[in-house]
């Protein structure tokens, strides 16, 4: 993660985090997230010199919805997990920017703010609370699919760097939901229908099975070896178990390219390649009411 010169830290309530015109976030657990009991600290927002926001001290995990108009909706939804080393979340270039781009093209997008396992004095774990937040986001989107013109069988995850680790974990550890759960959200399954791993962390731990969802992989050639070389090895693992995979390694890019309007070169088009891939996998089409029923 590149450290940028920053403006003073701002201590803000979660609702203040979004810029004017951005949608309001939705709490994953309105009555409090399991494992966050007694934690009442406000979120911290850091604004970098380039105007991008980093966030940490998250105890009330949420998703921020970017819902396309009904006439544009394809029925596809993507939960986006920003990166930041599990210490913070780079919510702009690895979150809201991608969500806006997708929503403009008829793909519903939900930016996840998950709890962070590696910030100072954190009691959270990557495969504990952070993974639970990711799974809960998938369940919540499915539970409200009809409201948002989403096909509940077209709900995927996209993760950047540390968020890619969460997206990968969610694609390996899932269940069909608990049909007897008192909470309607918990009755939904949490297996993603597809996954997009963008320069994901801990690529050596990505061990797909025959039951893994199809995957879109992207990174930069100039990234560190465990990612630039590791992602090629990940592609071969998917190939070995027969799970469809696309791999894109951009020769002039390094780590953290995300989505920015001023990105130069072919890496600036990676999100369009992801859209192409969704089309190749037959995810992109107008939904019908019969398939929208949860």
Protein backbone atom coordinates (compact mmCIF):
# COMPACT_ATOMS: atom_id res chain seq x y z
CA UNK A 1 0.00 0.00 0.00
CA UNK A 2 1.43 3.38 -0.99
CA UNK A 3 1.60 5.91 1.83
CA UNK A 4 0.46 9.33 0.65
CA UNK A 5 0.95 12.72 2.27
CA UNK A 6 -2.23 13.33 4.16
CA UNK A 7 -4.31 16.12 5.55
CA UNK A 8 -5.13 16.06 9.26
CA UNK A 9 -7.23 13.16 10.42
CA UNK A 10 -10.95 13.71 10.67
CA UNK A 11 -13.05 11.96 13.29
CA UNK A 12 -16.45 11.60 11.70
CA UNK A 13 -19.69 9.77 12.18
CA UNK A 14 -20.21 7.10 9.50
CA UNK A 15 -22.95 9.11 7.77
CA UNK A 16 -20.54 12.00 7.21
CA UNK A 17 -18.02 9.83 5.38
CA UNK A 18 -19.69 9.90 1.96
CA UNK A 19 -19.38 12.81 -0.40
CA UNK A 20 -22.43 14.80 -1.38
CA UNK A 21 -24.66 12.75 -3.66
CA UNK A 22 -23.34 9.36 -2.57
CA UNK A 23 -25.88 6.89 -1.14
CA UNK A 24 -26.20 6.18 2.55
CA UNK A 25 -24.69 3.05 3.97
CA UNK A 26 -26.75 0.17 5.34
CA UNK A 27 -25.68 -1.51 8.56
CA UNK A 28 -25.11 -5.24 8.19
CA UNK A 29 -26.39 -5.78 11.72
CA UNK A 30 -28.74 -2.90 12.68
CA UNK A 31 -28.76 -4.06 16.31
CA UNK A 32 -24.99 -4.39 16.55
CA UNK A 33 -22.46 -6.72 14.96
CA UNK A 34 -21.57 -9.93 16.83
CA UNK A 35 -18.09 -9.50 18.24
CA UNK A 36 -18.31 -5.70 18.44
CA UNK A 37 -20.22 -5.49 21.68
CA UNK A 38 -19.09 -2.53 23.78
CA UNK A 39 -17.06 -0.92 20.97
CA UNK A 40 -18.41 2.59 20.46
CA UNK A 41 -15.44 4.42 18.93
CA UNK A 42 -16.17 6.59 15.89
CA UNK A 43 -14.77 5.75 12.50
CA UNK A 44 -11.61 7.57 11.51
CA UNK A 45 -11.37 9.14 8.07
CA UNK A 46 -8.02 10.15 6.59
CA UNK A 47 -8.00 12.31 3.49
CA UNK A 48 -4.88 11.91 1.34
CA UNK A 49 -3.23 14.68 -0.65
CA UNK A 50 -4.98 13.42 -3.79
CA UNK A 51 -8.35 13.73 -2.07
CA UNK A 52 -8.95 10.00 -1.60
CA UNK A 53 -10.31 8.71 1.68
CA UNK A 54 -8.99 5.99 3.95
CA UNK A 55 -11.15 4.68 6.79
CA UNK A 56 -10.52 2.64 9.92
CA UNK A 57 -11.90 2.05 13.43
CA UNK A 58 -14.94 0.25 12.02
CA UNK A 59 -17.16 -1.42 14.59
CA UNK A 60 -20.50 -1.14 12.77
CA UNK A 61 -19.84 -2.89 9.43
CA UNK A 62 -21.97 -1.79 6.50
CA UNK A 63 -22.54 -1.78 2.77
CA UNK A 64 -23.10 1.31 0.64
CA UNK A 65 -25.45 0.54 -2.27
CA UNK A 66 -25.04 1.87 -5.79
CA UNK A 67 -28.22 0.72 -7.50
CA UNK A 68 -28.71 1.23 -11.26
CA UNK A 69 -32.00 2.50 -12.58
CA UNK A 70 -34.57 -0.19 -13.29
CA UNK A 71 -34.33 0.31 -17.06
CA UNK A 72 -30.57 -0.33 -16.94
CA UNK A 73 -30.51 -3.18 -14.41
CA UNK A 74 -28.89 -6.40 -15.58
CA UNK A 75 -29.78 -8.31 -12.42
CA UNK A 76 -26.11 -8.63 -11.44
CA UNK A 77 -24.78 -7.49 -8.07
CA UNK A 78 -21.19 -7.15 -6.84
CA UNK A 79 -20.08 -6.72 -3.22
CA UNK A 80 -16.83 -4.73 -3.34
CA UNK A 81 -14.23 -5.20 -0.58
CA UNK A 82 -11.60 -2.40 -0.60
CA UNK A 83 -7.99 -3.09 0.31
CA UNK A 84 -5.73 -1.51 2.89
CA UNK A 85 -3.73 -4.27 4.54
CA UNK A 86 -6.54 -5.05 7.01
CA UNK A 87 -5.44 -1.83 8.76
CA UNK A 88 -7.64 0.60 6.86
CA UNK A 89 -9.94 0.68 3.86
CA UNK A 90 -9.10 2.58 0.66
CA UNK A 91 -12.74 3.33 0.02
CA UNK A 92 -12.42 5.58 -3.03
CA UNK A 93 -10.16 4.05 -5.69
CA UNK A 94 -10.87 0.52 -4.43
CA UNK A 95 -14.50 1.05 -3.55
CA UNK A 96 -16.80 3.88 -4.56
CA UNK A 97 -15.11 4.55 -7.92
CA UNK A 98 -15.61 0.96 -9.03
CA UNK A 99 -19.16 0.91 -7.67
CA UNK A 100 -20.15 4.02 -9.62
CA UNK A 101 -18.65 2.63 -12.84
CA UNK A 102 -20.52 -0.65 -12.45
CA UNK A 103 -23.80 0.99 -11.50
CA UNK A 104 -23.66 3.21 -14.59
CA UNK A 105 -23.57 0.00 -16.64
CA UNK A 106 -26.52 -1.66 -14.95
CA UNK A 107 -24.60 -3.68 -12.35
CA UNK A 108 -25.63 -3.10 -8.76
CA UNK A 109 -22.60 -2.56 -6.52
CA UNK A 110 -22.24 -2.52 -2.75
CA UNK A 111 -19.10 -1.17 -1.09
CA UNK A 112 -18.29 -3.14 2.04
CA UNK A 113 -16.91 -1.54 5.17
CA UNK A 114 -15.69 -4.53 7.17
CA UNK A 115 -14.00 -4.72 10.53
CA UNK A 116 -10.21 -4.60 10.43
CA UNK A 117 -8.01 -7.28 11.95
CA UNK A 118 -4.63 -5.55 11.78
CA UNK A 119 -5.27 -2.02 12.95
CA UNK A 120 -3.67 -1.13 16.26
CA UNK A 121 -5.13 -3.04 19.22
CA UNK A 122 -7.75 -4.76 17.09
CA UNK A 123 -9.56 -7.73 18.60
CA UNK A 124 -10.95 -8.80 15.21
CA UNK A 125 -9.69 -11.62 13.00
CA UNK A 126 -9.53 -11.90 9.20
CA UNK A 127 -11.20 -15.31 9.15
CA UNK A 128 -13.49 -14.29 12.00
CA UNK A 129 -15.29 -10.95 12.06
CA UNK A 130 -13.95 -9.64 8.73
CA UNK A 131 -15.05 -12.78 6.88
CA UNK A 132 -18.38 -12.76 8.73
CA UNK A 133 -18.97 -9.20 7.49
CA UNK A 134 -18.33 -10.30 3.91
CA UNK A 135 -20.65 -13.28 4.22
CA UNK A 136 -23.34 -11.16 5.85
CA UNK A 137 -23.14 -8.65 2.99
CA UNK A 138 -23.82 -11.42 0.46
CA UNK A 139 -26.78 -12.67 2.49
CA UNK A 140 -28.21 -9.17 2.89
CA UNK A 141 -28.04 -8.41 -0.83
CA UNK A 142 -29.80 -11.69 -1.60
CA UNK A 143 -32.45 -11.04 1.04
CA UNK A 144 -33.26 -7.65 -0.55
CA UNK A 145 -32.72 -8.77 -4.14
CA UNK A 146 -36.27 -8.14 -5.33
CA UNK A 147 -36.24 -4.61 -3.90
CA UNK A 148 -33.04 -3.82 -5.82
CA UNK A 149 -33.92 -5.59 -9.12
CA UNK A 150 -31.22 -8.21 -8.53
CA UNK A 151 -31.22 -11.86 -9.49
CA UNK A 152 -30.20 -13.61 -6.24
CA UNK A 153 -28.28 -16.15 -8.33
CA UNK A 154 -26.09 -13.40 -9.81
CA UNK A 155 -24.47 -12.03 -6.66
CA UNK A 156 -20.67 -11.98 -6.67
CA UNK A 157 -17.73 -10.49 -4.79
CA UNK A 158 -14.86 -8.27 -5.88
CA UNK A 159 -11.89 -7.65 -3.62
CA UNK A 160 -8.76 -5.52 -3.86
CA UNK A 161 -5.54 -6.55 -2.09
CA UNK A 162 -6.60 -7.36 1.50
CA UNK A 163 -10.20 -7.17 0.29
CA UNK A 164 -9.25 -9.74 -2.33
CA UNK A 165 -8.25 -12.05 0.50
CA UNK A 166 -11.73 -11.64 1.99
CA UNK A 167 -13.41 -12.20 -1.39
CA UNK A 168 -11.37 -15.38 -1.84
CA UNK A 169 -12.20 -16.62 1.66
CA UNK A 170 -15.90 -15.97 1.07
CA UNK A 171 -15.64 -18.01 -2.13
CA UNK A 172 -14.10 -20.93 -0.24
CA UNK A 173 -16.08 -20.87 3.01
CA UNK A 174 -19.81 -20.63 2.53
CA UNK A 175 -23.10 -22.22 3.48
CA UNK A 176 -26.67 -22.41 2.23
CA UNK A 177 -28.07 -20.35 5.09
CA UNK A 178 -30.23 -21.44 8.02
CA UNK A 179 -33.84 -21.74 6.90
CA UNK A 180 -34.97 -21.71 10.55
CA UNK A 181 -33.05 -18.58 11.54
CA UNK A 182 -35.16 -15.86 13.19
CA UNK A 183 -33.22 -13.27 11.18
CA UNK A 184 -34.42 -13.34 7.56
CA UNK A 185 -30.94 -12.36 6.35
CA UNK A 186 -29.40 -15.45 7.93
CA UNK A 187 -31.76 -17.66 5.94
CA UNK A 188 -29.90 -16.74 2.75
CA UNK A 189 -26.88 -18.60 1.42
CA UNK A 190 -23.54 -16.82 1.31
CA UNK A 191 -21.80 -18.55 -1.62
CA UNK A 192 -20.81 -15.96 -4.24
CA UNK A 193 -21.91 -16.74 -7.79
CA UNK A 194 -18.61 -15.34 -9.09
CA UNK A 195 -15.47 -13.72 -7.73
CA UNK A 196 -13.11 -11.01 -8.92
CA UNK A 197 -9.73 -11.03 -7.17
CA UNK A 198 -7.79 -7.86 -7.94
CA UNK A 199 -4.13 -8.12 -6.80
CA UNK A 200 -5.38 -10.22 -3.83
CA UNK A 201 -3.37 -10.69 -0.66
CA UNK A 202 -2.09 -14.12 0.41
CA UNK A 203 -2.49 -15.61 -3.05
CA UNK A 204 -0.60 -18.70 -1.89
CA UNK A 205 -3.58 -19.56 0.32
CA UNK A 206 -6.06 -19.49 -2.56
CA UNK A 207 -6.82 -23.18 -3.08
CA UNK A 208 -9.98 -23.55 -5.17
CA UNK A 209 -12.12 -26.67 -5.25
CA UNK A 210 -14.45 -27.99 -7.90
CA UNK A 211 -17.24 -26.14 -6.07
CA UNK A 212 -15.53 -22.74 -6.25
CA UNK A 213 -17.29 -19.98 -8.22
CA UNK A 214 -15.75 -18.79 -11.52
CA UNK A 215 -13.03 -16.21 -11.09
CA UNK A 216 -11.69 -13.05 -12.73
CA UNK A 217 -8.05 -12.33 -11.79
CA UNK A 218 -6.09 -9.12 -12.38
CA UNK A 219 -2.79 -7.66 -11.20
CA UNK A 220 0.22 -5.67 -12.35
CA UNK A 221 3.46 -7.19 -13.64
CA UNK A 222 5.42 -4.83 -11.37
CA UNK A 223 3.59 -5.91 -8.24
CA UNK A 224 5.50 -7.89 -5.65
CA UNK A 225 6.33 -11.46 -6.66
CA UNK A 226 3.82 -13.22 -4.43
CA UNK A 227 1.06 -11.42 -6.35
CA UNK A 228 2.38 -10.97 -9.91
CA UNK A 229 3.78 -14.50 -10.05
CA UNK A 230 1.43 -15.92 -7.45
CA UNK A 231 -1.69 -14.98 -9.38
CA UNK A 232 -0.44 -16.91 -12.40
CA UNK A 233 -0.12 -19.93 -10.13
CA UNK A 234 -3.62 -19.28 -8.78
CA UNK A 235 -4.95 -19.34 -12.34
CA UNK A 236 -3.39 -22.77 -12.86
CA UNK A 237 -5.00 -24.05 -9.66
CA UNK A 238 -8.42 -23.03 -10.95
CA UNK A 239 -7.60 -24.67 -14.27
CA UNK A 240 -6.63 -27.90 -12.51
CA UNK A 241 -9.99 -28.18 -10.73
CA UNK A 242 -11.99 -27.19 -13.80
CA UNK A 243 -13.29 -23.82 -12.59
CA UNK A 244 -13.47 -21.15 -15.35
CA UNK A 245 -10.91 -18.38 -14.86
CA UNK A 246 -9.72 -15.23 -16.63
CA UNK A 247 -6.26 -13.85 -15.85
CA UNK A 248 -5.05 -10.33 -16.73
CA UNK A 249 -1.51 -9.21 -15.86
CA UNK A 250 -0.79 -5.63 -16.93
CA UNK A 251 2.84 -5.10 -17.86
CA UNK A 252 3.05 -1.40 -16.93
CA UNK A 253 1.20 -1.60 -13.60
CA UNK A 254 2.14 -2.28 -10.01
CA UNK A 255 0.12 -2.68 -6.84
CA UNK A 256 -2.96 -0.66 -5.95
CA UNK A 257 -4.05 0.66 -9.36
CA UNK A 258 -7.74 0.30 -8.47
CA UNK A 259 -10.10 2.58 -10.39
CA UNK A 260 -9.08 6.16 -11.08
CA UNK A 261 -10.12 8.50 -13.87
CA UNK A 262 -6.52 9.56 -14.55
CA UNK A 263 -5.02 6.06 -14.88
CA UNK A 264 -2.98 5.76 -18.07
CA UNK A 265 -2.41 2.73 -20.25
CA UNK A 266 -4.25 -0.54 -20.72
CA UNK A 267 -4.64 -1.17 -16.98
CA UNK A 268 -7.17 1.66 -16.96
CA UNK A 269 -9.50 -0.63 -18.89
CA UNK A 270 -9.44 -3.63 -16.56
CA UNK A 271 -12.95 -2.98 -15.27
CA UNK A 272 -14.28 -3.08 -18.83
CA UNK A 273 -12.60 -6.46 -19.21
CA UNK A 274 -14.42 -7.58 -16.07
CA UNK A 275 -17.70 -6.48 -17.63
CA UNK A 276 -16.78 -8.43 -20.79
CA UNK A 277 -16.08 -11.47 -18.63
CA UNK A 278 -19.48 -11.22 -16.93
CA UNK A 279 -20.98 -11.22 -20.41
CA UNK A 280 -18.91 -14.23 -21.44
CA UNK A 281 -20.18 -16.08 -18.38
CA UNK A 282 -23.80 -15.20 -19.31
CA UNK A 283 -24.40 -13.15 -16.18
CA UNK A 284 -25.40 -9.98 -18.05
CA UNK A 285 -28.99 -9.93 -19.23
CA UNK A 286 -32.20 -8.27 -18.21
CA UNK A 287 -33.63 -10.00 -15.12
CA UNK A 288 -37.15 -11.34 -15.01
CA UNK A 289 -39.48 -11.36 -12.04
CA UNK A 290 -39.55 -15.13 -11.65
CA UNK A 291 -35.80 -15.31 -11.06
CA UNK A 292 -35.78 -12.33 -8.70
CA UNK A 293 -37.74 -14.09 -6.00
CA UNK A 294 -35.41 -14.83 -3.05
